[in-house]
Amino acid sequence: MRLEPTNVQQIGNELAIHWNDGTESYFDLQFLRRACPCAACGGEPDVLGNISRPHLTYSKESFALLGFSIVGGYAVQPRWRDGHGTGIYSFQYLRRLAEAAR
C-alpha cells in the first residue's frame, strides 16, 4: 500500500495528518518550519558534496501557516505568513519526522 494522507488540516498550532494506514501525525508548526527541506532552509551541496547551510532568522510570522497544497500526489507544500513557500515535504519525509518525534 502506498503511504498517503487521507486528511490534512491545521488544528491550532499544529498540522494534523491522518494517513491511509489509520495512523495520525501532529506537527507543531514551529517544528515543521524548522524542518523545511528546501535548499534555502536546509542548504544545498556544492560539486564536492559539501552542504553549505544558510544562517536563518525567524520571526513570529515564520511559524504562522497561511495554508498548504498537496503537490503531485506525493507531498505537502506549506505557505507561511513571512512569504516562505518553497518547502516541499514529501509524505515519506513527513512520516519520518513523525516517527522521529515519538
PDB file of N, CA and C in Angstrom:
ATOM      1  N   MET A   1       0.839  -1.175   0.000  1.00  0.00           N
ATOM      2  CA  MET A   1       0.000   0.000   0.000  1.00  0.00           C
ATOM      3  C   MET A   1       0.888   1.245   0.000  1.00  0.00           C
ATOM      4  N   ARG A   2       0.580   2.174  -0.859  1.00  0.00           N
ATOM      5  CA  ARG A   2       1.322   3.435  -0.943  1.00  0.00           C
ATOM      6  C   ARG A   2       0.889   4.353   0.195  1.00  0.00           C
ATOM      7  N   LEU A   3       1.851   4.881   0.935  1.00  0.00           N
ATOM      8  CA  LEU A   3       1.573   5.762   2.062  1.00  0.00           C
ATOM      9  C   LEU A   3       1.128   7.130   1.565  1.00  0.00           C
ATOM     10  N   GLU A   4      -0.059   7.554   1.977  1.00  0.00           N
ATOM     11  CA  GLU A   4      -0.539   8.888   1.636  1.00  0.00           C
ATOM     12  C   GLU A   4      -1.573   9.334   2.656  1.00  0.00           C
ATOM     13  N   PRO A   5      -1.740  10.643   2.804  1.00  0.00           N
ATOM     14  CA  PRO A   5      -2.723  11.132   3.764  1.00  0.00           C
ATOM     15  C   PRO A   5      -4.142  11.032   3.209  1.00  0.00           C
ATOM     16  N   THR A   6      -5.075  10.797   4.117  1.00  0.00           N
ATOM     17  CA  THR A   6      -6.486  10.846   3.744  1.00  0.00           C
ATOM     18  C   THR A   6      -7.093  12.176   4.159  1.00  0.00           C
ATOM     19  N   ASN A   7      -6.418  12.877   5.091  1.00  0.00           N
ATOM     20  CA  ASN A   7      -6.889  14.180   5.541  1.00  0.00           C
ATOM     21  C   ASN A   7      -5.705  14.965   6.090  1.00  0.00           C
ATOM     22  N   VAL A   8      -5.602  16.223   5.701  1.00  0.00           N
ATOM     23  CA  VAL A   8      -4.572  17.124   6.216  1.00  0.00           C
ATOM     24  C   VAL A   8      -5.283  18.408   6.615  1.00  0.00           C
ATOM     25  N   GLN A   9      -5.057  18.841   7.861  1.00  0.00           N
ATOM     26  CA  GLN A   9      -5.677  20.091   8.286  1.00  0.00           C
ATOM     27  C   GLN A   9      -4.882  20.740   9.402  1.00  0.00           C
ATOM     28  N   GLN A  10      -5.040  22.051   9.498  1.00  0.00           N
ATOM     29  CA  GLN A  10      -4.418  22.784  10.593  1.00  0.00           C
ATOM     30  C   GLN A  10      -5.381  22.782  11.764  1.00  0.00           C
ATOM     31  N   ILE A  11      -4.856  22.422  12.934  1.00  0.00           N
ATOM     32  CA  ILE A  11      -5.625  22.462  14.171  1.00  0.00           C
ATOM     33  C   ILE A  11      -4.807  23.295  15.153  1.00  0.00           C
ATOM     34  N   GLY A  12      -5.208  24.525  15.365  1.00  0.00           N
ATOM     35  CA  GLY A  12      -4.451  25.412  16.249  1.00  0.00           C
ATOM     36  C   GLY A  12      -3.052  25.630  15.721  1.00  0.00           C
ATOM     37  N   ASN A  13      -2.051  25.324  16.536  1.00  0.00           N
ATOM     38  CA  ASN A  13      -0.647  25.491  16.148  1.00  0.00           C
ATOM     39  C   ASN A  13      -0.028  24.201  15.638  1.00  0.00           C
ATOM     40  N   GLU A  14      -0.856  23.314  15.114  1.00  0.00           N
ATOM     41  CA  GLU A  14      -0.355  22.037  14.593  1.00  0.00           C
ATOM     42  C   GLU A  14      -0.928  21.756  13.211  1.00  0.00           C
ATOM     43  N   LEU A  15      -0.169  20.994  12.439  1.00  0.00           N
ATOM     44  CA  LEU A  15      -0.670  20.431  11.199  1.00  0.00           C
ATOM     45  C   LEU A  15      -0.949  18.967  11.494  1.00  0.00           C
ATOM     46  N   ALA A  16      -2.187  18.560  11.286  1.00  0.00           N
ATOM     47  CA  ALA A  16      -2.601  17.187  11.578  1.00  0.00           C
ATOM     48  C   ALA A  16      -2.753  16.422  10.268  1.00  0.00           C
ATOM     49  N   ILE A  17      -2.228  15.204  10.254  1.00  0.00           N
ATOM     50  CA  ILE A  17      -2.331  14.346   9.072  1.00  0.00           C
ATOM     51  C   ILE A  17      -2.885  12.999   9.499  1.00  0.00           C
ATOM     52  N   HIS A  18      -3.952  12.579   8.838  1.00  0.00           N
ATOM     53  CA  HIS A  18      -4.477  11.224   9.018  1.00  0.00           C
ATOM     54  C   HIS A  18      -4.024  10.435   7.797  1.00  0.00           C
ATOM     55  N   TRP A  19      -3.320   9.325   8.042  1.00  0.00           N
ATOM     56  CA  TRP A  19      -2.729   8.527   6.967  1.00  0.00           C
ATOM     57  C   TRP A  19      -3.647   7.377   6.574  1.00  0.00           C
ATOM     58  N   ASN A  20      -3.456   6.875   5.363  1.00  0.00           N
ATOM     59  CA  ASN A  20      -4.300   5.791   4.866  1.00  0.00           C
ATOM     60  C   ASN A  20      -4.054   4.452   5.557  1.00  0.00           C
ATOM     61  N   ASP A  21      -3.050   4.371   6.432  1.00  0.00           N
ATOM     62  CA  ASP A  21      -2.868   3.150   7.228  1.00  0.00           C
ATOM     63  C   ASP A  21      -3.530   3.276   8.601  1.00  0.00           C
ATOM     64  N   GLY A  22      -4.270   4.386   8.809  1.00  0.00           N
ATOM     65  CA  GLY A  22      -5.011   4.575  10.049  1.00  0.00           C
ATOM     66  C   GLY A  22      -4.283   5.365  11.123  1.00  0.00           C
ATOM     67  N   THR A  23      -2.999   5.655  10.933  1.00  0.00           N
ATOM     68  CA  THR A  23      -2.265   6.415  11.947  1.00  0.00           C
ATOM     69  C   THR A  23      -2.485   7.914  11.743  1.00  0.00           C
ATOM     70  N   GLU A  24      -2.179   8.667  12.794  1.00  0.00           N
ATOM     71  CA  GLU A  24      -2.279  10.120  12.732  1.00  0.00           C
ATOM     72  C   GLU A  24      -0.956  10.730  13.174  1.00  0.00           C
ATOM     73  N   SER A  25      -0.606  11.847  12.567  1.00  0.00           N
ATOM     74  CA  SER A  25       0.605  12.583  12.927  1.00  0.00           C
ATOM     75  C   SER A  25       0.217  14.027  13.194  1.00  0.00           C
ATOM     76  N   TYR A  26       0.859  14.603  14.203  1.00  0.00           N
ATOM     77  CA  TYR A  26       0.620  16.002  14.556  1.00  0.00           C
ATOM     78  C   TYR A  26       1.966  16.712  14.590  1.00  0.00           C
ATOM     79  N   PHE A  27       2.066  17.795  13.841  1.00  0.00           N
ATOM     80  CA  PHE A  27       3.316  18.537  13.739  1.00  0.00           C
ATOM     81  C   PHE A  27       3.131  19.944  14.283  1.00  0.00           C
ATOM     82  N   ASP A  28       3.903  20.288  15.307  1.00  0.00           N
ATOM     83  CA  ASP A  28       3.947  21.659  15.779  1.00  0.00           C
ATOM     84  C   ASP A  28       4.448  22.523  14.621  1.00  0.00           C
ATOM     85  N   LEU A  29       3.794  23.649  14.371  1.00  0.00           N
ATOM     86  CA  LEU A  29       4.153  24.462  13.209  1.00  0.00           C
ATOM     87  C   LEU A  29       5.581  24.986  13.270  1.00  0.00           C
ATOM     88  N   GLN A  30       6.056  25.320  14.462  1.00  0.00           N
ATOM     89  CA  GLN A  30       7.437  25.786  14.591  1.00  0.00           C
ATOM     90  C   GLN A  30       8.416  24.663  14.228  1.00  0.00           C
ATOM     91  N   PHE A  31       8.145  23.464  14.710  1.00  0.00           N
ATOM     92  CA  PHE A  31       8.969  22.299  14.367  1.00  0.00           C
ATOM     93  C   PHE A  31       8.948  22.063  12.859  1.00  0.00           C
ATOM     94  N   LEU A  32       7.748  22.131  12.270  1.00  0.00           N
ATOM     95  CA  LEU A  32       7.600  21.868  10.842  1.00  0.00           C
ATOM     96  C   LEU A  32       8.390  22.883  10.013  1.00  0.00           C
ATOM     97  N   ARG A  33       8.306  24.145  10.379  1.00  0.00           N
ATOM     98  CA  ARG A  33       9.031  25.177   9.629  1.00  0.00           C
ATOM     99  C   ARG A  33      10.536  24.987   9.758  1.00  0.00           C
ATOM    100  N   ARG A  34      10.998  24.676  10.950  1.00  0.00           N
ATOM    101  CA  ARG A  34      12.436  24.488  11.154  1.00  0.00           C
ATOM    102  C   ARG A  34      12.954  23.238  10.429  1.00  0.00           C
ATOM    103  N   ALA A  35      12.060  22.325  10.089  1.00  0.00           N
ATOM    104  CA  ALA A  35      12.431  21.104   9.365  1.00  0.00           C
ATOM    105  C   ALA A  35      12.253  21.258   7.857  1.00  0.00           C
ATOM    106  N   CYS A  36      12.070  22.489   7.394  1.00  0.00           N
ATOM    107  CA  CYS A  36      11.832  22.727   5.971  1.00  0.00           C
ATOM    108  C   CYS A  36      12.970  22.133   5.135  1.00  0.00           C
ATOM    109  N   PRO A  37      12.622  21.312   4.138  1.00  0.00           N
ATOM    110  CA  PRO A  37      13.649  20.638   3.339  1.00  0.00           C
ATOM    111  C   PRO A  37      14.152  21.425   2.130  1.00  0.00           C
ATOM    112  N   CYS A  38      13.693  22.653   1.935  1.00  0.00           N
ATOM    113  CA  CYS A  38      14.119  23.381   0.731  1.00  0.00           C
ATOM    114  C   CYS A  38      15.586  23.804   0.835  1.00  0.00           C
ATOM    115  N   ALA A  39      16.186  24.117  -0.285  1.00  0.00           N
ATOM    116  CA  ALA A  39      17.602  24.497  -0.324  1.00  0.00           C
ATOM    117  C   ALA A  39      17.864  25.792   0.433  1.00  0.00           C
ATOM    118  N   ALA A  40      16.908  26.711   0.433  1.00  0.00           N
ATOM    119  CA  ALA A  40      17.099  27.980   1.139  1.00  0.00           C
ATOM    120  C   ALA A  40      17.172  27.771   2.649  1.00  0.00           C
ATOM    121  N   CYS A  41      16.498  26.753   3.155  1.00  0.00           N
ATOM    122  CA  CYS A  41      16.496  26.488   4.600  1.00  0.00           C
ATOM    123  C   CYS A  41      17.530  25.437   5.003  1.00  0.00           C
ATOM    124  N   GLY A  42      17.603  24.362   4.266  1.00  0.00           N
ATOM    125  CA  GLY A  42      18.475  23.255   4.640  1.00  0.00           C
ATOM    126  C   GLY A  42      19.842  23.277   4.007  1.00  0.00           C
ATOM    127  N   GLY A  43      20.036  24.177   3.055  1.00  0.00           N
ATOM    128  CA  GLY A  43      21.302  24.233   2.350  1.00  0.00           C
ATOM    129  C   GLY A  43      21.283  23.335   1.129  1.00  0.00           C
ATOM    130  N   GLU A  44      22.301  23.475   0.324  1.00  0.00           N
ATOM    131  CA  GLU A  44      22.422  22.628  -0.861  1.00  0.00           C
ATOM    132  C   GLU A  44      23.881  22.260  -1.069  1.00  0.00           C
ATOM    133  N   PRO A  45      24.125  21.092  -1.640  1.00  0.00           N
ATOM    134  CA  PRO A  45      25.508  20.634  -1.797  1.00  0.00           C
ATOM    135  C   PRO A  45      26.230  21.349  -2.936  1.00  0.00           C
ATOM    136  N   ASP A  46      27.552  21.503  -2.742  1.00  0.00           N
ATOM    137  CA  ASP A  46      28.380  22.011  -3.830  1.00  0.00           C
ATOM    138  C   ASP A  46      28.840  20.816  -4.667  1.00  0.00           C
ATOM    139  N   VAL A  47      29.724  21.034  -5.617  1.00  0.00           N
ATOM    140  CA  VAL A  47      30.153  19.957  -6.515  1.00  0.00           C
ATOM    141  C   VAL A  47      30.908  18.845  -5.794  1.00  0.00           C
ATOM    142  N   LEU A  48      31.439  19.127  -4.605  1.00  0.00           N
ATOM    143  CA  LEU A  48      32.152  18.112  -3.829  1.00  0.00           C
ATOM    144  C   LEU A  48      31.252  17.408  -2.814  1.00  0.00           C
ATOM    145  N   GLY A  49      29.986  17.825  -2.776  1.00  0.00           N
ATOM    146  CA  GLY A  49      29.057  17.200  -1.841  1.00  0.00           C
ATOM    147  C   GLY A  49      28.988  17.867  -0.483  1.00  0.00           C
ATOM    148  N   ASN A  50      29.753  18.941  -0.287  1.00  0.00           N
ATOM    149  CA  ASN A  50      29.695  19.673   0.981  1.00  0.00           C
ATOM    150  C   ASN A  50      28.432  20.527   1.007  1.00  0.00           C
ATOM    151  N   ILE A  51      27.731  20.489   2.122  1.00  0.00           N
ATOM    152  CA  ILE A  51      26.491  21.249   2.221  1.00  0.00           C
ATOM    153  C   ILE A  51      26.748  22.563   2.943  1.00  0.00           C
ATOM    154  N   SER A  52      26.426  23.640   2.269  1.00  0.00           N
ATOM    155  CA  SER A  52      26.532  24.974   2.851  1.00  0.00           C
ATOM    156  C   SER A  52      25.174  25.323   3.445  1.00  0.00           C
ATOM    157  N   ARG A  53      25.126  25.428   4.761  1.00  0.00           N
ATOM    158  CA  ARG A  53      23.865  25.720   5.437  1.00  0.00           C
ATOM    159  C   ARG A  53      23.747  27.227   5.674  1.00  0.00           C
ATOM    160  N   PRO A  54      22.641  27.801   5.246  1.00  0.00           N
ATOM    161  CA  PRO A  54      22.456  29.237   5.447  1.00  0.00           C
ATOM    162  C   PRO A  54      22.151  29.559   6.910  1.00  0.00           C
ATOM    163  N   HIS A  55      22.480  30.776   7.322  1.00  0.00           N
ATOM    164  CA  HIS A  55      22.093  31.245   8.653  1.00  0.00           C
ATOM    165  C   HIS A  55      20.668  31.784   8.537  1.00  0.00           C
ATOM    166  N   LEU A  56      19.761  31.200   9.280  1.00  0.00           N
ATOM    167  CA  LEU A  56      18.359  31.599   9.201  1.00  0.00           C
ATOM    168  C   LEU A  56      17.944  32.368  10.440  1.00  0.00           C
ATOM    169  N   THR A  57      17.136  33.378  10.227  1.00  0.00           N
ATOM    170  CA  THR A  57      16.498  34.066  11.344  1.00  0.00           C
ATOM    171  C   THR A  57      14.998  33.949  11.136  1.00  0.00           C
ATOM    172  N   TYR A  58      14.296  33.724  12.215  1.00  0.00           N
ATOM    173  CA  TYR A  58      12.854  33.545  12.147  1.00  0.00           C
ATOM    174  C   TYR A  58      12.157  34.663  12.907  1.00  0.00           C
ATOM    175  N   SER A  59      10.950  34.958  12.488  1.00  0.00           N
ATOM    176  CA  SER A  59      10.096  35.907  13.190  1.00  0.00           C
ATOM    177  C   SER A  59       8.811  35.173  13.570  1.00  0.00           C
ATOM    178  N   LYS A  60       7.947  35.851  14.256  1.00  0.00           N
ATOM    179  CA  LYS A  60       6.656  35.255  14.626  1.00  0.00           C
ATOM    180  C   LYS A  60       5.896  34.792  13.373  1.00  0.00           C
ATOM    181  N   GLU A  61       6.001  35.569  12.297  1.00  0.00           N
ATOM    182  CA  GLU A  61       5.311  35.230  11.048  1.00  0.00           C
ATOM    183  C   GLU A  61       5.888  33.982  10.378  1.00  0.00           C
ATOM    184  N   SER A  62       7.125  33.644  10.723  1.00  0.00           N
ATOM    185  CA  SER A  62       7.765  32.462  10.135  1.00  0.00           C
ATOM    186  C   SER A  62       7.050  31.174  10.516  1.00  0.00           C
ATOM    187  N   PHE A  63       6.344  31.200  11.640  1.00  0.00           N
ATOM    188  CA  PHE A  63       5.695  29.993  12.150  1.00  0.00           C
ATOM    189  C   PHE A  63       4.175  30.036  12.009  1.00  0.00           C
ATOM    190  N   ALA A  64       3.671  31.048  11.306  1.00  0.00           N
ATOM    191  CA  ALA A  64       2.231  31.171  11.082  1.00  0.00           C
ATOM    192  C   ALA A  64       1.900  30.602   9.705  1.00  0.00           C
ATOM    193  N   LEU A  65       1.092  29.575   9.689  1.00  0.00           N
ATOM    194  CA  LEU A  65       0.735  28.892   8.446  1.00  0.00           C
ATOM    195  C   LEU A  65      -0.441  29.600   7.781  1.00  0.00           C
ATOM    196  N   LEU A  66      -0.260  30.006   6.525  1.00  0.00           N
ATOM    197  CA  LEU A  66      -1.351  30.612   5.764  1.00  0.00           C
ATOM    198  C   LEU A  66      -2.211  29.556   5.091  1.00  0.00           C
ATOM    199  N   GLY A  67      -1.597  28.464   4.704  1.00  0.00           N
ATOM    200  CA  GLY A  67      -2.298  27.394   4.009  1.00  0.00           C
ATOM    201  C   GLY A  67      -1.289  26.389   3.491  1.00  0.00           C
ATOM    202  N   PHE A  68      -1.776  25.425   2.746  1.00  0.00           N
ATOM    203  CA  PHE A  68      -0.897  24.405   2.180  1.00  0.00           C
ATOM    204  C   PHE A  68      -1.566  23.812   0.957  1.00  0.00           C
ATOM    205  N   SER A  69      -0.763  23.188   0.132  1.00  0.00           N
ATOM    206  CA  SER A  69      -1.249  22.494  -1.061  1.00  0.00           C
ATOM    207  C   SER A  69      -0.697  21.081  -1.064  1.00  0.00           C
ATOM    208  N   ILE A  70      -1.457  20.178  -1.646  1.00  0.00           N
ATOM    209  CA  ILE A  70      -0.949  18.835  -1.920  1.00  0.00           C
ATOM    210  C   ILE A  70      -0.293  18.913  -3.295  1.00  0.00           C
ATOM    211  N   VAL A  71       0.952  18.474  -3.380  1.00  0.00           N
ATOM    212  CA  VAL A  71       1.734  18.604  -4.607  1.00  0.00           C
ATOM    213  C   VAL A  71       1.905  17.244  -5.264  1.00  0.00           C
ATOM    214  N   GLY A  72       1.391  17.108  -6.465  1.00  0.00           N
ATOM    215  CA  GLY A  72       1.634  15.936  -7.286  1.00  0.00           C
ATOM    216  C   GLY A  72       1.289  14.596  -6.668  1.00  0.00           C
ATOM    217  N   GLY A  73       0.447  14.574  -5.656  1.00  0.00           N
ATOM    218  CA  GLY A  73       0.081  13.317  -5.023  1.00  0.00           C
ATOM    219  C   GLY A  73       1.196  12.684  -4.209  1.00  0.00           C
ATOM    220  N   TYR A  74       2.253  13.467  -3.883  1.00  0.00           N
ATOM    221  CA  TYR A  74       3.367  12.888  -3.125  1.00  0.00           C
ATOM    222  C   TYR A  74       3.875  13.780  -1.996  1.00  0.00           C
ATOM    223  N   ALA A  75       3.354  15.010  -1.871  1.00  0.00           N
ATOM    224  CA  ALA A  75       3.934  15.938  -0.901  1.00  0.00           C
ATOM    225  C   ALA A  75       2.945  17.012  -0.469  1.00  0.00           C
ATOM    226  N   VAL A  76       3.323  17.696   0.615  1.00  0.00           N
ATOM    227  CA  VAL A  76       2.587  18.855   1.116  1.00  0.00           C
ATOM    228  C   VAL A  76       3.510  20.063   0.998  1.00  0.00           C
ATOM    229  N   GLN A  77       2.971  21.180   0.506  1.00  0.00           N
ATOM    230  CA  GLN A  77       3.752  22.412   0.387  1.00  0.00           C
ATOM    231  C   GLN A  77       3.074  23.507   1.209  1.00  0.00           C
ATOM    232  N   PRO A  78       3.628  23.803   2.404  1.00  0.00           N
ATOM    233  CA  PRO A  78       3.060  24.862   3.245  1.00  0.00           C
ATOM    234  C   PRO A  78       3.394  26.256   2.705  1.00  0.00           C
ATOM    235  N   ARG A  79       2.504  27.198   2.998  1.00  0.00           N
ATOM    236  CA  ARG A  79       2.742  28.613   2.717  1.00  0.00           C
ATOM    237  C   ARG A  79       2.714  29.349   4.057  1.00  0.00           C
ATOM    238  N   TRP A  80       3.814  30.026   4.358  1.00  0.00           N
ATOM    239  CA  TRP A  80       3.974  30.683   5.653  1.00  0.00           C
ATOM    240  C   TRP A  80       3.732  32.178   5.529  1.00  0.00           C
ATOM    241  N   ARG A  81       3.323  32.791   6.631  1.00  0.00           N
ATOM    242  CA  ARG A  81       2.972  34.215   6.638  1.00  0.00           C
ATOM    243  C   ARG A  81       4.154  35.120   6.282  1.00  0.00           C
ATOM    244  N   ASP A  82       5.376  34.681   6.513  1.00  0.00           N
ATOM    245  CA  ASP A  82       6.541  35.515   6.177  1.00  0.00           C
ATOM    246  C   ASP A  82       6.897  35.461   4.689  1.00  0.00           C
ATOM    247  N   GLY A  83       6.083  34.760   3.896  1.00  0.00           N
ATOM    248  CA  GLY A  83       6.299  34.691   2.455  1.00  0.00           C
ATOM    249  C   GLY A  83       7.015  33.444   1.976  1.00  0.00           C
ATOM    250  N   HIS A  84       7.519  32.639   2.902  1.00  0.00           N
ATOM    251  CA  HIS A  84       8.230  31.420   2.503  1.00  0.00           C
ATOM    252  C   HIS A  84       7.222  30.373   2.023  1.00  0.00           C
ATOM    253  N   GLY A  85       7.542  29.717   0.926  1.00  0.00           N
ATOM    254  CA  GLY A  85       6.635  28.707   0.403  1.00  0.00           C
ATOM    255  C   GLY A  85       7.300  27.719  -0.530  1.00  0.00           C
ATOM    256  N   THR A  86       8.629  27.609  -0.472  1.00  0.00           N
ATOM    257  CA  THR A  86       9.331  26.719  -1.402  1.00  0.00           C
ATOM    258  C   THR A  86       9.589  25.329  -0.840  1.00  0.00           C
ATOM    259  N   GLY A  87       9.262  25.106   0.414  1.00  0.00           N
ATOM    260  CA  GLY A  87       9.485  23.789   1.010  1.00  0.00           C
ATOM    261  C   GLY A  87       8.446  22.781   0.549  1.00  0.00           C
ATOM    262  N   ILE A  88       8.899  21.683  -0.002  1.00  0.00           N
ATOM    263  CA  ILE A  88       8.001  20.601  -0.414  1.00  0.00           C
ATOM    264  C   ILE A  88       8.325  19.397   0.463  1.00  0.00           C
ATOM    265  N   TYR A  89       7.396  19.066   1.349  1.00  0.00           N
ATOM    266  CA  TYR A  89       7.571  17.998   2.333  1.00  0.00           C
ATOM    267  C   TYR A  89       6.929  16.727   1.777  1.00  0.00           C
ATOM    268  N   SER A  90       7.744  15.793   1.312  1.00  0.00           N
ATOM    269  CA  SER A  90       7.182  14.548   0.775  1.00  0.00           C
ATOM    270  C   SER A  90       6.451  13.808   1.889  1.00  0.00           C
ATOM    271  N   PHE A  91       5.491  12.992   1.508  1.00  0.00           N
ATOM    272  CA  PHE A  91       4.762  12.212   2.508  1.00  0.00           C
ATOM    273  C   PHE A  91       5.727  11.335   3.294  1.00  0.00           C
ATOM    274  N   GLN A  92       6.718  10.753   2.621  1.00  0.00           N
ATOM    275  CA  GLN A  92       7.705   9.908   3.313  1.00  0.00           C
ATOM    276  C   GLN A  92       8.516  10.720   4.315  1.00  0.00           C
ATOM    277  N   TYR A  93       8.907  11.932   3.940  1.00  0.00           N
ATOM    278  CA  TYR A  93       9.662  12.800   4.845  1.00  0.00           C
ATOM    279  C   TYR A  93       8.817  13.147   6.070  1.00  0.00           C
ATOM    280  N   LEU A  94       7.555  13.484   5.859  1.00  0.00           N
ATOM    281  CA  LEU A  94       6.670  13.804   6.980  1.00  0.00           C
ATOM    282  C   LEU A  94       6.502  12.608   7.907  1.00  0.00           C
ATOM    283  N   ARG A  95       6.377  11.440   7.341  1.00  0.00           N
ATOM    284  CA  ARG A  95       6.221  10.244   8.168  1.00  0.00           C
ATOM    285  C   ARG A  95       7.484   9.986   8.989  1.00  0.00           C
ATOM    286  N   ARG A  96       8.657  10.171   8.375  1.00  0.00           N
ATOM    287  CA  ARG A  96       9.915  10.011   9.119  1.00  0.00           C
ATOM    288  C   ARG A  96      10.025  11.039  10.241  1.00  0.00           C
ATOM    289  N   LEU A  97       9.625  12.277   9.982  1.00  0.00           N
ATOM    290  CA  LEU A  97       9.636  13.305  11.028  1.00  0.00           C
ATOM    291  C   LEU A  97       8.730  12.907  12.188  1.00  0.00           C
ATOM    292  N   ALA A  98       7.559  12.393  11.867  1.00  0.00           N
ATOM    293  CA  ALA A  98       6.605  11.994  12.905  1.00  0.00           C
ATOM    294  C   ALA A  98       7.155  10.846  13.741  1.00  0.00           C
ATOM    295  N   GLU A  99       7.766   9.871  13.091  1.00  0.00           N
ATOM    296  CA  GLU A  99       8.310   8.721  13.817  1.00  0.00           C
ATOM    297  C   GLU A  99       9.501   9.125  14.677  1.00  0.00           C
ATOM    298  N   ALA A 100      10.320  10.067  14.202  1.00  0.00           N
ATOM    299  CA  ALA A 100      11.471  10.529  14.977  1.00  0.00           C
ATOM    300  C   ALA A 100      11.040  11.335  16.197  1.00  0.00           C
ATOM    301  N   ALA A 101       9.885  11.983  16.116  1.00  0.00           N
ATOM    302  CA  ALA A 101       9.397  12.816  17.222  1.00  0.00           C
ATOM    303  C   ALA A 101       8.776  11.994  18.346  1.00  0.00           C
ATOM    304  N   ARG A 102       8.513  10.734  18.096  1.00  0.00           N
ATOM    305  CA  ARG A 102       7.877   9.885  19.129  1.00  0.00           C
ATOM    306  C   ARG A 102       8.803   9.580  20.250  1.00  0.00           C
TER     307      ARG A 102
END
